[in-house]
Amino acid sequence: MSLKTHQLLKNKKKNILELWMKNQLADEGLREDLISNDELRSQSEELINALVSNLSGENFTDLDSDEWSPVIEILGGIAITRARQGFSPRETGNFVFSLKEAILEILQQEVADDAKLLFTESQKINRLMDNLSVVTFETFIKGREEVILRQTDEITEISTPVIRVWEGILALPIIGTLDSARTQVVMENLLQEIVETGSSIAILDISGVPAVDSLVAQHLIKTVSATRLMGAECIISGIRPEIAQTVVHLGIDLSNIITKATLASALAYSFKIMRLEVRKINTVSKN
């Protein structure tokens, strides 16, 4: 960028900021529920100060240069924050696109009499802002992936609760698909609870598992084996007719594992193993 245009943009920084804020506030998709106008202005002012401070002919398009590090850091922080706050990719992208529109409009106003210079510098600004948009999207995606991974871990923890149904008896109802990662969480939670409670029986209830294939069966067998290594007996309950047919059809050997049709029958079997008897007491009402 020529020294004249470079200096012009520095001198017009305030005008660019005001026009940029006007563009953002006029957007129908502005998320006032996620960010206040004061916060929006603060973010905008911080970015434009860093951006204008790094405009020069030597490093105008080289975002890998050290001079652009503050801009990338600020823009990355904004993108990460917006990903965590729940902004959409389009809403985050508009933050940069509206800045490009503001810069181009100011440039057009100031060098309208020089069509060749206007075209050349507009092309440079377009390339720069497009590169910054790519950085924004990449960082936003990383932030969104972090949010998704954290939520996945939290959901996995919630969906695999170990319940102490009786002294010495644990139950772990499994809901949803059982994959390798989730199997690891199931085993860790179950084994930890066995250690803490000293339980001798663990019931894995799979009535909430939509289907059982060879892979799921292998995960269940591993969980049972790990439980037995801890000195506890493991019972699988919730074997529905369709699951039983699938297991037989696939030739999966569960003969060494105690299986029951329902959680209630598994619990009754556990009482029998532990020599416990549960009786219903009939109370006589007094008139």
C-alpha atoms as a PDB file:
ATOM      1  CA  MET A   1       0.000   0.000   0.000  1.00  0.00           C
ATOM      2  CA  SER A   2       1.303   3.457  -0.832  1.00  0.00           C
ATOM      3  CA  LEU A   3       2.352   5.700   2.015  1.00  0.00           C
ATOM      4  CA  LYS A   4      -0.451   8.134   1.186  1.00  0.00           C
ATOM      5  CA  THR A   5      -3.246   5.559   1.492  1.00  0.00           C
ATOM      6  CA  HIS A   6      -1.617   3.925   4.494  1.00  0.00           C
ATOM      7  CA  GLN A   7      -1.462   7.235   6.312  1.00  0.00           C
ATOM      8  CA  LEU A   8      -4.987   8.073   5.210  1.00  0.00           C
ATOM      9  CA  LEU A   9      -6.406   4.972   6.862  1.00  0.00           C
ATOM     10  CA  LYS A  10      -4.562   5.752  10.068  1.00  0.00           C
ATOM     11  CA  ASN A  11      -5.920   9.274  10.030  1.00  0.00           C
ATOM     12  CA  LYS A  12      -9.430   7.991   9.324  1.00  0.00           C
ATOM     13  CA  LYS A  13      -9.366   5.315  12.010  1.00  0.00           C
ATOM     14  CA  LYS A  14     -12.139   6.963  13.982  1.00  0.00           C
ATOM     15  CA  ASN A  15     -14.318   7.298  10.883  1.00  0.00           C
ATOM     16  CA  ILE A  16     -13.756   3.644  10.033  1.00  0.00           C
ATOM     17  CA  LEU A  17     -14.689   2.591  13.569  1.00  0.00           C
ATOM     18  CA  GLU A  18     -17.914   4.616  13.558  1.00  0.00           C
ATOM     19  CA  LEU A  19     -18.932   3.347  10.128  1.00  0.00           C
ATOM     20  CA  TRP A  20     -18.067  -0.212  11.165  1.00  0.00           C
ATOM     21  CA  MET A  21     -20.182   0.071  14.313  1.00  0.00           C
ATOM     22  CA  LYS A  22     -23.019   1.490  12.226  1.00  0.00           C
ATOM     23  CA  ASN A  23     -22.823  -1.500   9.870  1.00  0.00           C
ATOM     24  CA  GLN A  24     -22.839  -3.973  12.754  1.00  0.00           C
ATOM     25  CA  LEU A  25     -25.686  -2.342  14.657  1.00  0.00           C
ATOM     26  CA  ALA A  26     -27.770  -2.182  11.469  1.00  0.00           C
ATOM     27  CA  ASP A  27     -27.434  -5.926  10.923  1.00  0.00           C
ATOM     28  CA  GLU A  28     -30.761  -7.669  11.566  1.00  0.00           C
ATOM     29  CA  GLY A  29     -28.865 -10.689  12.847  1.00  0.00           C
ATOM     30  CA  LEU A  30     -27.117  -8.757  15.635  1.00  0.00           C
ATOM     31  CA  ARG A  31     -27.173 -10.909  18.782  1.00  0.00           C
ATOM     32  CA  GLU A  32     -27.894  -8.376  21.490  1.00  0.00           C
ATOM     33  CA  ASP A  33     -28.786 -11.284  23.761  1.00  0.00           C
ATOM     34  CA  LEU A  34     -25.184 -12.510  23.608  1.00  0.00           C
ATOM     35  CA  ILE A  35     -23.199  -9.277  23.500  1.00  0.00           C
ATOM     36  CA  SER A  36     -23.969  -5.712  24.563  1.00  0.00           C
ATOM     37  CA  ASN A  37     -23.309  -2.683  22.374  1.00  0.00           C
ATOM     38  CA  ASP A  38     -20.559  -1.569  24.757  1.00  0.00           C
ATOM     39  CA  GLU A  39     -18.827  -4.957  24.514  1.00  0.00           C
ATOM     40  CA  LEU A  40     -19.186  -4.885  20.731  1.00  0.00           C
ATOM     41  CA  ARG A  41     -17.613  -1.437  20.540  1.00  0.00           C
ATOM     42  CA  SER A  42     -14.803  -2.489  22.861  1.00  0.00           C
ATOM     43  CA  GLN A  43     -13.969  -5.520  20.705  1.00  0.00           C
ATOM     44  CA  SER A  44     -14.200  -3.477  17.515  1.00  0.00           C
ATOM     45  CA  GLU A  45     -12.007  -0.695  18.834  1.00  0.00           C
ATOM     46  CA  GLU A  46      -9.373  -3.119  20.098  1.00  0.00           C
ATOM     47  CA  LEU A  47      -9.175  -4.892  16.743  1.00  0.00           C
ATOM     48  CA  ILE A  48      -9.106  -1.786  14.579  1.00  0.00           C
ATOM     49  CA  ASN A  49      -6.382  -0.191  16.729  1.00  0.00           C
ATOM     50  CA  ALA A  50      -4.196  -3.249  16.249  1.00  0.00           C
ATOM     51  CA  LEU A  51      -5.091  -3.525  12.558  1.00  0.00           C
ATOM     52  CA  VAL A  52      -4.332   0.084  11.619  1.00  0.00           C
ATOM     53  CA  SER A  53      -1.118   0.023  13.658  1.00  0.00           C
ATOM     54  CA  ASN A  54       0.173  -2.847  11.498  1.00  0.00           C
ATOM     55  CA  LEU A  55      -0.756  -1.501   8.072  1.00  0.00           C
ATOM     56  CA  SER A  56       2.326  -0.998   5.934  1.00  0.00           C
ATOM     57  CA  GLY A  57       3.483  -1.682   2.406  1.00  0.00           C
ATOM     58  CA  GLU A  58       6.025  -4.289   3.479  1.00  0.00           C
ATOM     59  CA  ASN A  59       3.796  -6.619   5.475  1.00  0.00           C
ATOM     60  CA  PHE A  60       0.356  -5.807   4.116  1.00  0.00           C
ATOM     61  CA  THR A  61      -0.478  -9.336   2.995  1.00  0.00           C
ATOM     62  CA  ASP A  62       2.042 -11.322   5.036  1.00  0.00           C
ATOM     63  CA  LEU A  63      -0.012 -12.415   8.033  1.00  0.00           C
ATOM     64  CA  ASP A  64       2.807 -14.722   9.113  1.00  0.00           C
ATOM     65  CA  SER A  65       5.055 -11.763   9.936  1.00  0.00           C
ATOM     66  CA  ASP A  66       5.610 -10.863  13.590  1.00  0.00           C
ATOM     67  CA  GLU A  67       3.934  -7.484  13.109  1.00  0.00           C
ATOM     68  CA  TRP A  68       0.572  -9.167  12.580  1.00  0.00           C
ATOM     69  CA  SER A  69       0.751 -11.316  15.726  1.00  0.00           C
ATOM     70  CA  PRO A  70      -1.232  -8.834  17.878  1.00  0.00           C
ATOM     71  CA  VAL A  71      -4.001  -8.670  15.261  1.00  0.00           C
ATOM     72  CA  ILE A  72      -4.193 -12.464  14.919  1.00  0.00           C
ATOM     73  CA  GLU A  73      -4.194 -12.878  18.695  1.00  0.00           C
ATOM     74  CA  ILE A  74      -6.998 -10.366  19.227  1.00  0.00           C
ATOM     75  CA  LEU A  75      -9.078 -11.726  16.356  1.00  0.00           C
ATOM     76  CA  GLY A  76      -8.522 -15.298  17.550  1.00  0.00           C
ATOM     77  CA  GLY A  77      -9.601 -14.381  21.069  1.00  0.00           C
ATOM     78  CA  ILE A  78     -12.784 -12.790  19.765  1.00  0.00           C
ATOM     79  CA  ALA A  79     -13.568 -15.822  17.579  1.00  0.00           C
ATOM     80  CA  ILE A  80     -12.981 -18.266  20.470  1.00  0.00           C
ATOM     81  CA  THR A  81     -15.140 -16.191  22.808  1.00  0.00           C
ATOM     82  CA  ARG A  82     -17.966 -16.028  20.285  1.00  0.00           C
ATOM     83  CA  ALA A  83     -17.807 -19.776  19.683  1.00  0.00           C
ATOM     84  CA  ARG A  84     -18.215 -20.362  23.415  1.00  0.00           C
ATOM     85  CA  GLN A  85     -21.007 -17.800  23.693  1.00  0.00           C
ATOM     86  CA  GLY A  86     -23.074 -19.531  21.021  1.00  0.00           C
ATOM     87  CA  PHE A  87     -22.614 -17.252  18.004  1.00  0.00           C
ATOM     88  CA  SER A  88     -23.109 -18.850  14.586  1.00  0.00           C
ATOM     89  CA  PRO A  89     -20.305 -18.923  11.965  1.00  0.00           C
ATOM     90  CA  ARG A  90     -22.194 -16.362   9.858  1.00  0.00           C
ATOM     91  CA  GLU A  91     -22.583 -13.970  12.779  1.00  0.00           C
ATOM     92  CA  THR A  92     -18.885 -14.275  13.615  1.00  0.00           C
ATOM     93  CA  GLY A  93     -17.871 -13.853   9.969  1.00  0.00           C
ATOM     94  CA  ASN A  94     -19.954 -10.692   9.639  1.00  0.00           C
ATOM     95  CA  PHE A  95     -17.770  -9.119  12.314  1.00  0.00           C
ATOM     96  CA  VAL A  96     -14.862  -9.080   9.831  1.00  0.00           C
ATOM     97  CA  PHE A  97     -16.899  -8.606   6.639  1.00  0.00           C
ATOM     98  CA  SER A  98     -18.544  -5.461   7.972  1.00  0.00           C
ATOM     99  CA  LEU A  99     -15.090  -4.057   8.797  1.00  0.00           C
ATOM    100  CA  LYS A 100     -13.975  -4.669   5.217  1.00  0.00           C
ATOM    101  CA  GLU A 101     -17.032  -2.819   3.936  1.00  0.00           C
ATOM    102  CA  ALA A 102     -16.256   0.142   6.202  1.00  0.00           C
ATOM    103  CA  ILE A 103     -12.599   0.347   5.109  1.00  0.00           C
ATOM    104  CA  LEU A 104     -13.500   0.116   1.411  1.00  0.00           C
ATOM    105  CA  GLU A 105     -16.159   2.802   1.772  1.00  0.00           C
ATOM    106  CA  ILE A 106     -13.751   5.233   3.468  1.00  0.00           C
ATOM    107  CA  LEU A 107     -11.083   4.452   0.871  1.00  0.00           C
ATOM    108  CA  GLN A 108     -13.520   5.124  -1.941  1.00  0.00           C
ATOM    109  CA  GLN A 109     -14.507   8.451  -0.432  1.00  0.00           C
ATOM    110  CA  GLU A 110     -10.913   9.629  -0.113  1.00  0.00           C
ATOM    111  CA  VAL A 111      -9.338   8.446  -3.400  1.00  0.00           C
ATOM    112  CA  ALA A 112     -12.354   8.519  -5.705  1.00  0.00           C
ATOM    113  CA  ASP A 113     -10.449  10.801  -8.102  1.00  0.00           C
ATOM    114  CA  ASP A 114      -7.774   8.157  -8.746  1.00  0.00           C
ATOM    115  CA  ALA A 115      -9.512   5.094 -10.218  1.00  0.00           C
ATOM    116  CA  LYS A 116      -6.280   3.146 -10.724  1.00  0.00           C
ATOM    117  CA  LEU A 117      -5.133   3.653  -7.124  1.00  0.00           C
ATOM    118  CA  LEU A 118      -8.615   2.882  -5.823  1.00  0.00           C
ATOM    119  CA  PHE A 119      -8.708  -0.409  -7.711  1.00  0.00           C
ATOM    120  CA  THR A 120      -5.194  -1.444  -6.648  1.00  0.00           C
ATOM    121  CA  GLU A 121      -5.650  -0.648  -2.984  1.00  0.00           C
ATOM    122  CA  SER A 122      -9.154  -2.139  -2.904  1.00  0.00           C
ATOM    123  CA  GLN A 123      -7.730  -5.411  -4.186  1.00  0.00           C
ATOM    124  CA  LYS A 124      -5.098  -5.385  -1.428  1.00  0.00           C
ATOM    125  CA  ILE A 125      -7.697  -4.667   1.232  1.00  0.00           C
ATOM    126  CA  ASN A 126      -9.926  -7.453  -0.105  1.00  0.00           C
ATOM    127  CA  ARG A 127      -7.062  -9.961   0.039  1.00  0.00           C
ATOM    128  CA  LEU A 128      -6.085  -8.858   3.534  1.00  0.00           C
ATOM    129  CA  MET A 129      -9.585  -8.984   4.967  1.00  0.00           C
ATOM    130  CA  ASP A 130     -10.335 -12.298   3.256  1.00  0.00           C
ATOM    131  CA  ASN A 131      -7.212 -13.767   4.888  1.00  0.00           C
ATOM    132  CA  LEU A 132      -8.320 -12.406   8.247  1.00  0.00           C
ATOM    133  CA  SER A 133     -11.748 -13.955   7.641  1.00  0.00           C
ATOM    134  CA  VAL A 134     -10.102 -17.346   7.088  1.00  0.00           C
ATOM    135  CA  VAL A 135      -8.203 -16.951  10.366  1.00  0.00           C
ATOM    136  CA  THR A 136     -11.467 -16.049  12.099  1.00  0.00           C
ATOM    137  CA  PHE A 137     -13.316 -19.088  10.759  1.00  0.00           C
ATOM    138  CA  GLU A 138     -10.460 -21.480  11.559  1.00  0.00           C
ATOM    139  CA  THR A 139     -10.228 -20.219  15.128  1.00  0.00           C
ATOM    140  CA  PHE A 140     -14.022 -20.222  15.501  1.00  0.00           C
ATOM    141  CA  ILE A 141     -14.174 -23.864  14.379  1.00  0.00           C
ATOM    142  CA  LYS A 142     -11.472 -24.832  16.895  1.00  0.00           C
ATOM    143  CA  GLY A 143     -13.420 -23.070  19.630  1.00  0.00           C
ATOM    144  CA  ARG A 144     -16.653 -24.774  18.606  1.00  0.00           C
ATOM    145  CA  GLU A 145     -14.916 -28.167  18.550  1.00  0.00           C
ATOM    146  CA  GLU A 146     -13.656 -27.563  22.086  1.00  0.00           C
ATOM    147  CA  VAL A 147     -17.203 -26.768  23.195  1.00  0.00           C
ATOM    148  CA  ILE A 148     -18.568 -29.886  21.482  1.00  0.00           C
ATOM    149  CA  LEU A 149     -15.889 -32.120  23.009  1.00  0.00           C
ATOM    150  CA  ARG A 150     -16.538 -30.717  26.478  1.00  0.00           C
ATOM    151  CA  GLN A 151     -20.285 -31.156  26.098  1.00  0.00           C
ATOM    152  CA  THR A 152     -19.769 -34.693  24.780  1.00  0.00           C
ATOM    153  CA  ASP A 153     -17.694 -35.564  27.844  1.00  0.00           C
ATOM    154  CA  GLU A 154     -20.315 -34.064  30.137  1.00  0.00           C
ATOM    155  CA  ILE A 155     -23.148 -35.926  28.394  1.00  0.00           C
ATOM    156  CA  THR A 156     -21.164 -39.162  28.557  1.00  0.00           C
ATOM    157  CA  GLU A 157     -20.649 -38.704  32.281  1.00  0.00           C
ATOM    158  CA  ILE A 158     -24.335 -37.989  32.819  1.00  0.00           C
ATOM    159  CA  SER A 159     -25.492 -40.875  30.624  1.00  0.00           C
ATOM    160  CA  THR A 160     -23.375 -43.458  32.454  1.00  0.00           C
ATOM    161  CA  PRO A 161     -24.342 -43.078  36.128  1.00  0.00           C
ATOM    162  CA  VAL A 162     -23.393 -45.848  38.543  1.00  0.00           C
ATOM    163  CA  ILE A 163     -26.290 -46.381  40.956  1.00  0.00           C
ATOM    164  CA  ARG A 164     -26.005 -48.083  44.335  1.00  0.00           C
ATOM    165  CA  VAL A 165     -29.298 -49.996  44.359  1.00  0.00           C
ATOM    166  CA  TRP A 166     -28.500 -52.084  47.442  1.00  0.00           C
ATOM    167  CA  GLU A 167     -25.642 -52.622  49.803  1.00  0.00           C
ATOM    168  CA  GLY A 168     -23.066 -54.507  47.761  1.00  0.00           C
ATOM    169  CA  ILE A 169     -25.052 -54.172  44.508  1.00  0.00           C
ATOM    170  CA  LEU A 170     -24.369 -51.572  41.803  1.00  0.00           C
ATOM    171  CA  ALA A 171     -26.369 -50.894  38.639  1.00  0.00           C
ATOM    172  CA  LEU A 172     -25.208 -49.041  35.558  1.00  0.00           C
ATOM    173  CA  PRO A 173     -27.984 -48.302  33.037  1.00  0.00           C
ATOM    174  CA  ILE A 174     -26.497 -47.705  29.581  1.00  0.00           C
ATOM    175  CA  ILE A 175     -28.476 -45.505  27.191  1.00  0.00           C
ATOM    176  CA  GLY A 176     -27.450 -44.999  23.575  1.00  0.00           C
ATOM    177  CA  THR A 177     -24.668 -46.450  21.456  1.00  0.00           C
ATOM    178  CA  LEU A 178     -21.721 -48.044  23.220  1.00  0.00           C
ATOM    179  CA  ASP A 179     -18.462 -47.202  21.429  1.00  0.00           C
ATOM    180  CA  SER A 180     -14.807 -47.572  22.442  1.00  0.00           C
ATOM    181  CA  ALA A 181     -14.534 -44.154  24.093  1.00  0.00           C
ATOM    182  CA  ARG A 182     -17.747 -44.583  26.043  1.00  0.00           C
ATOM    183  CA  THR A 183     -16.807 -48.118  27.074  1.00  0.00           C
ATOM    184  CA  GLN A 184     -13.673 -46.701  28.653  1.00  0.00           C
ATOM    185  CA  VAL A 185     -15.738 -44.198  30.651  1.00  0.00           C
ATOM    186  CA  VAL A 186     -18.189 -46.936  31.677  1.00  0.00           C
ATOM    187  CA  MET A 187     -15.384 -49.184  32.924  1.00  0.00           C
ATOM    188  CA  GLU A 188     -13.606 -46.390  34.776  1.00  0.00           C
ATOM    189  CA  ASN A 189     -16.771 -45.229  36.537  1.00  0.00           C
ATOM    190  CA  LEU A 190     -17.872 -48.755  37.385  1.00  0.00           C
ATOM    191  CA  LEU A 191     -14.492 -49.943  38.665  1.00  0.00           C
ATOM    192  CA  GLN A 192     -14.021 -46.781  40.711  1.00  0.00           C
ATOM    193  CA  GLU A 193     -17.430 -47.242  42.311  1.00  0.00           C
ATOM    194  CA  ILE A 194     -16.666 -50.910  43.064  1.00  0.00           C
ATOM    195  CA  VAL A 195     -13.515 -49.838  44.895  1.00  0.00           C
ATOM    196  CA  GLU A 196     -15.271 -47.068  46.841  1.00  0.00           C
ATOM    197  CA  THR A 197     -18.314 -49.112  47.877  1.00  0.00           C
ATOM    198  CA  GLY A 198     -16.779 -52.577  48.126  1.00  0.00           C
ATOM    199  CA  SER A 199     -19.652 -53.953  46.058  1.00  0.00           C
ATOM    200  CA  SER A 200     -19.555 -57.562  44.910  1.00  0.00           C
ATOM    201  CA  ILE A 201     -22.202 -57.417  42.166  1.00  0.00           C
ATOM    202  CA  ALA A 202     -22.536 -55.027  39.221  1.00  0.00           C
ATOM    203  CA  ILE A 203     -25.529 -54.980  36.881  1.00  0.00           C
ATOM    204  CA  LEU A 204     -25.104 -53.588  33.357  1.00  0.00           C
ATOM    205  CA  ASP A 205     -28.555 -52.737  32.037  1.00  0.00           C
ATOM    206  CA  ILE A 206     -28.587 -52.377  28.227  1.00  0.00           C
ATOM    207  CA  SER A 207     -32.333 -51.929  27.755  1.00  0.00           C
ATOM    208  CA  GLY A 208     -31.544 -48.406  26.504  1.00  0.00           C
ATOM    209  CA  VAL A 209     -29.033 -49.593  23.894  1.00  0.00           C
ATOM    210  CA  PRO A 210     -30.752 -49.457  20.475  1.00  0.00           C
ATOM    211  CA  ALA A 211     -28.802 -52.347  18.915  1.00  0.00           C
ATOM    212  CA  VAL A 212     -26.103 -54.832  19.765  1.00  0.00           C
ATOM    213  CA  ASP A 213     -23.571 -55.793  17.110  1.00  0.00           C
ATOM    214  CA  SER A 214     -20.224 -57.577  17.318  1.00  0.00           C
ATOM    215  CA  LEU A 215     -18.421 -54.402  18.368  1.00  0.00           C
ATOM    216  CA  VAL A 216     -20.890 -53.554  21.135  1.00  0.00           C
ATOM    217  CA  ALA A 217     -20.757 -57.146  22.361  1.00  0.00           C
ATOM    218  CA  GLN A 218     -16.963 -57.005  22.540  1.00  0.00           C
ATOM    219  CA  HIS A 219     -17.192 -53.801  24.590  1.00  0.00           C
ATOM    220  CA  LEU A 220     -19.627 -55.470  26.982  1.00  0.00           C
ATOM    221  CA  ILE A 221     -17.377 -58.518  27.342  1.00  0.00           C
ATOM    222  CA  LYS A 222     -14.405 -56.266  28.145  1.00  0.00           C
ATOM    223  CA  THR A 223     -16.422 -54.453  30.796  1.00  0.00           C
ATOM    224  CA  VAL A 224     -17.511 -57.742  32.356  1.00  0.00           C
ATOM    225  CA  SER A 225     -13.909 -59.028  32.360  1.00  0.00           C
ATOM    226  CA  ALA A 226     -12.629 -55.849  34.007  1.00  0.00           C
ATOM    227  CA  THR A 227     -15.353 -56.076  36.649  1.00  0.00           C
ATOM    228  CA  ARG A 228     -14.465 -59.677  37.448  1.00  0.00           C
ATOM    229  CA  LEU A 229     -10.805 -58.751  37.807  1.00  0.00           C
ATOM    230  CA  MET A 230     -11.923 -56.401  40.579  1.00  0.00           C
ATOM    231  CA  GLY A 231     -13.539 -59.345  42.379  1.00  0.00           C
ATOM    232  CA  ALA A 232     -17.136 -58.503  41.504  1.00  0.00           C
ATOM    233  CA  GLU A 233     -19.690 -60.517  39.547  1.00  0.00           C
ATOM    234  CA  CYS A 234     -21.220 -58.788  36.540  1.00  0.00           C
ATOM    235  CA  ILE A 235     -24.752 -59.335  35.258  1.00  0.00           C
ATOM    236  CA  ILE A 236     -26.087 -57.992  31.943  1.00  0.00           C
ATOM    237  CA  SER A 237     -29.790 -57.152  31.976  1.00  0.00           C
ATOM    238  CA  GLY A 238     -32.181 -55.676  29.439  1.00  0.00           C
ATOM    239  CA  ILE A 239     -31.720 -58.408  26.837  1.00  0.00           C
ATOM    240  CA  ARG A 240     -34.728 -57.792  24.584  1.00  0.00           C
ATOM    241  CA  PRO A 241     -35.921 -60.513  22.148  1.00  0.00           C
ATOM    242  CA  GLU A 242     -34.565 -58.686  19.092  1.00  0.00           C
ATOM    243  CA  ILE A 243     -31.178 -58.255  20.759  1.00  0.00           C
ATOM    244  CA  ALA A 244     -31.131 -61.943  21.712  1.00  0.00           C
ATOM    245  CA  GLN A 245     -31.844 -62.884  18.092  1.00  0.00           C
ATOM    246  CA  THR A 246     -29.077 -60.602  16.855  1.00  0.00           C
ATOM    247  CA  VAL A 247     -26.563 -62.056  19.302  1.00  0.00           C
ATOM    248  CA  VAL A 248     -27.417 -65.606  18.194  1.00  0.00           C
ATOM    249  CA  HIS A 249     -27.339 -64.650  14.510  1.00  0.00           C
ATOM    250  CA  LEU A 250     -23.909 -63.061  14.843  1.00  0.00           C
ATOM    251  CA  GLY A 251     -22.601 -66.084  16.722  1.00  0.00           C
ATOM    252  CA  ILE A 252     -21.525 -63.994  19.730  1.00  0.00           C
ATOM    253  CA  ASP A 253     -20.654 -66.186  22.714  1.00  0.00           C
ATOM    254  CA  LEU A 254     -22.135 -64.795  25.936  1.00  0.00           C
ATOM    255  CA  SER A 255     -22.389 -68.191  27.601  1.00  0.00           C
ATOM    256  CA  ASN A 256     -19.895 -67.234  30.312  1.00  0.00           C
ATOM    257  CA  ILE A 257     -21.853 -64.110  31.230  1.00  0.00           C
ATOM    258  CA  ILE A 258     -24.970 -64.019  33.387  1.00  0.00           C
ATOM    259  CA  THR A 259     -27.775 -62.355  31.410  1.00  0.00           C
ATOM    260  CA  LYS A 260     -31.292 -61.396  32.432  1.00  0.00           C
ATOM    261  CA  ALA A 261     -34.247 -60.012  30.510  1.00  0.00           C
ATOM    262  CA  THR A 262     -34.979 -57.137  32.896  1.00  0.00           C
ATOM    263  CA  LEU A 263     -33.267 -55.107  35.574  1.00  0.00           C
ATOM    264  CA  ALA A 264     -35.793 -56.413  38.100  1.00  0.00           C
ATOM    265  CA  SER A 265     -34.889 -60.036  37.387  1.00  0.00           C
ATOM    266  CA  ALA A 266     -31.185 -59.159  37.571  1.00  0.00           C
ATOM    267  CA  LEU A 267     -31.752 -57.546  40.962  1.00  0.00           C
ATOM    268  CA  ALA A 268     -33.705 -60.579  42.168  1.00  0.00           C
ATOM    269  CA  TYR A 269     -30.876 -62.838  41.024  1.00  0.00           C
ATOM    270  CA  SER A 270     -28.395 -60.622  42.879  1.00  0.00           C
ATOM    271  CA  PHE A 271     -30.411 -60.994  46.086  1.00  0.00           C
ATOM    272  CA  LYS A 272     -30.320 -64.761  45.638  1.00  0.00           C
ATOM    273  CA  ILE A 273     -26.528 -64.758  45.223  1.00  0.00           C
ATOM    274  CA  MET A 274     -26.105 -62.630  48.342  1.00  0.00           C
ATOM    275  CA  ARG A 275     -28.641 -64.769  50.258  1.00  0.00           C
ATOM    276  CA  LEU A 276     -30.958 -61.861  50.784  1.00  0.00           C
ATOM    277  CA  GLU A 277     -34.720 -62.138  50.937  1.00  0.00           C
ATOM    278  CA  VAL A 278     -37.127 -59.309  50.276  1.00  0.00           C
ATOM    279  CA  ARG A 279     -40.671 -59.766  51.524  1.00  0.00           C
ATOM    280  CA  LYS A 280     -43.818 -57.760  51.104  1.00  0.00           C
ATOM    281  CA  ILE A 281     -45.356 -56.863  54.441  1.00  0.00           C
ATOM    282  CA  ASN A 282     -49.117 -56.815  54.571  1.00  0.00           C
ATOM    283  CA  THR A 283     -50.279 -54.190  57.014  1.00  0.00           C
ATOM    284  CA  VAL A 284     -53.643 -54.498  58.698  1.00  0.00           C
ATOM    285  CA  SER A 285     -55.498 -51.243  59.036  1.00  0.00           C
ATOM    286  CA  LYS A 286     -57.005 -50.535  62.434  1.00  0.00           C
ATOM    287  CA  ASN A 287     -60.583 -49.381  62.555  1.00  0.00           C
END
